[in-house]
Amino acid sequence: MTELNQLTGEPIGLKPANPRSFRGTKIPGALLFSSAKSQLTVHLHLFSHSTFQLSLLQLQAEETYSLTIREQQPWLRLETLLHGEVQFNYPDGSHTSLFPGQYLLTDLPQVQATFTSAKDCRYFRIHYSPALLEQLGLPVLPASTQPRPLPALMLETIHGILVHPFAEQLRIFYYGNAIRELLFHHVSATDFIQPGAFSPQQLAFVYETDQYIAENLDASHTIRDLARRAGTNTFFLKKAYEQVFGIGIFPRLIQRRMEHAQFLLESTDLPLKDICSQSGYETLAGFITEFRKRFGQTPNQWRKGRRGGA
């Protein structure tokens, strides 16, 4: 559905790769296509369905790199950046930049994208077919070339797509619900104004940090390390984080760990020790204590309650 070409018109030589050998952010169940050259590495994760497609494009370049992204079918796309920075140059001569914490709803068939070299870029997209939009009673949605702030509910839904534990038989059902939920939030929400007087570049530091924490719940984090990784200072990161999410960095880490634990308790039959480990806790006792402190129940009691006492 999507063609990636160098500005010379030469295709990016993507070849099938083994997704199980890939380490990093990916779409569960997706096919993986990769290309590695001396100055550029590209990974494209694709999950295709008859009415929608999920894709995650990851680029690592030694210098700022531009390519042409061409769509083979005129499907509506919801696009967001998880990490890095990209500038889009449009056929009419206009341009815009996309940062983490923003998203686009667009249907342009072709765009020139310039990815920065300072950080690896991770570009997540959802394609909605005309048949799906018509099924939802949304045959036409106004597209735009101007980014919009990404509300927390949409951010959490996208994160859920990237980390869900479901097996193949439930995966399509889950993805179908998630992409509809994202579209619902876009259509139903009033204009969302990000709290705090921050530039898109400054907000990107916060959203990239939050994404990194979510992907590394089992890691030990310090504010100094997080700020250095984001390319900012500890004072700004702490202040901005609290204004954007209404909570400090480490309370947010605990919140994410607990939410992930709840998700695994409800949606899987994993043993408690595995859920403890995947939620970032070194000891089962520490995990149970934190869970009971937050929810007033042990993890097993909470799981039984969610499953009707079974």
Foldseek 3Di string as FASTA:
>chain_A
DKWKFAPVRHGQDWDWDDPVPDDDFAFPPWTWTWHDDPFKIWIWTWDDDPFKIKIKIKMAGQFKGKIKMFAPDQFKKKKAKQDFKKKKQDPVGDIDIGFHQKIFTARDGMIMIITGNPDMIIMIMMTGHCVNCVVVVRNDDDGDRDIAGDDPVLVVLVLCSRDPDDDPVCNVVSVVVSVVVNVCCVVPDDRDDFFDPDDRLLVRLQSNLLSVLLVCLQDDDDLQVSQVVSVHHSVSNQVSNCRRVVDGDVVSSLVSLLVQLLSCLQPHPDDQVVSCNVSRHPDSVVVQVSNCVVPVDGSVVSSCVSVVND
